[in-house]
Amino acid sequence: MKIGIIGSSIYENKRKIKETIFNLSRKFNEDLIIFSGGDSNGAEKYVKKYALDTLKSIQPILKKIYIHI
């Protein structure tokens, strides 16, 4: 499953992002691919952090974050 998670640079609900990524990883296991813009602030910062913590694999693609387990 390919899923894009993007958001505002001022979004700060870390818990919601962490829970979402955790639930997605439980549901899709090895089939989960997460894409995000990779901004160093807000939602995309937390997507990168929690996706790496949960999925343990990342590859950059043209300044985008590509996470695949």
Protein backbone atom coordinates (compact mmCIF):
# COMPACT_ATOMS: atom_id res chain seq x y z
CA MET A 1 0.00 0.00 0.00
CA LYS A 2 1.41 3.38 -1.00
CA ILE A 3 0.36 6.23 1.28
CA GLY A 4 1.34 9.89 1.18
CA ILE A 5 1.40 11.74 4.48
CA ILE A 6 1.88 15.49 4.20
CA GLY A 7 0.90 18.43 6.34
CA SER A 8 1.43 21.96 7.51
CA SER A 9 4.82 23.16 8.70
CA ILE A 10 3.13 24.33 11.91
CA TYR A 11 1.28 21.07 12.68
CA GLU A 12 2.44 19.74 16.05
CA ASN A 13 0.20 16.76 16.94
CA LYS A 14 3.04 14.25 17.23
CA ARG A 15 0.89 11.63 18.93
CA LYS A 16 -1.64 11.54 16.05
CA ILE A 17 1.11 11.08 13.47
CA LYS A 18 2.83 8.37 15.52
CA GLU A 19 -0.43 6.48 16.07
CA THR A 20 -1.36 6.74 12.39
CA ILE A 21 1.98 5.36 11.21
CA PHE A 22 1.90 2.59 13.81
CA ASN A 23 -1.65 1.56 12.82
CA LEU A 24 -0.76 1.62 9.12
CA SER A 25 2.32 -0.53 9.71
CA ARG A 26 0.25 -3.07 11.66
CA LYS A 27 -2.38 -3.20 8.92
CA PHE A 28 -0.12 -3.39 5.85
CA ASN A 29 3.12 -4.90 7.25
CA GLU A 30 5.76 -5.27 4.52
CA ASP A 31 3.42 -3.85 1.88
CA LEU A 32 3.47 -0.33 3.36
CA ILE A 33 5.22 2.47 1.48
CA ILE A 34 5.01 5.98 2.95
CA PHE A 35 5.75 9.10 0.95
CA SER A 36 6.23 12.53 2.51
CA GLY A 37 7.68 15.86 1.48
CA GLY A 38 10.45 15.67 4.06
CA ASP A 39 10.07 19.20 5.45
CA SER A 40 12.21 19.79 8.55
CA ASN A 41 9.26 21.34 10.40
CA GLY A 42 5.76 20.37 11.41
CA ALA A 43 3.91 17.29 10.23
CA GLU A 44 6.47 16.06 7.71
CA LYS A 45 9.27 16.20 10.30
CA TYR A 46 7.26 13.86 12.52
CA VAL A 47 6.26 11.60 9.62
CA LYS A 48 9.94 11.07 8.87
CA LYS A 49 10.86 10.51 12.54
CA TYR A 50 8.10 8.04 13.37
CA ALA A 51 8.21 6.23 10.04
CA LEU A 52 11.93 5.60 10.51
CA ASP A 53 11.35 4.47 14.10
CA THR A 54 8.56 2.12 13.02
CA LEU A 55 9.63 0.95 9.56
CA LYS A 56 13.45 1.08 9.84
CA SER A 57 14.08 1.80 6.14
CA ILE A 58 14.34 5.01 4.12
CA GLN A 59 15.52 6.05 0.68
CA PRO A 60 15.51 9.61 -0.68
CA ILE A 61 13.84 10.24 -4.04
CA LEU A 62 14.21 13.73 -5.54
CA LYS A 63 14.05 15.58 -2.22
CA LYS A 64 11.10 13.49 -1.13
CA ILE A 65 11.01 10.94 1.62
CA TYR A 66 10.39 7.38 0.46
CA ILE A 67 9.97 4.87 3.23
CA HIS A 68 9.57 1.21 2.42
CA ILE A 69 9.60 -1.88 4.58
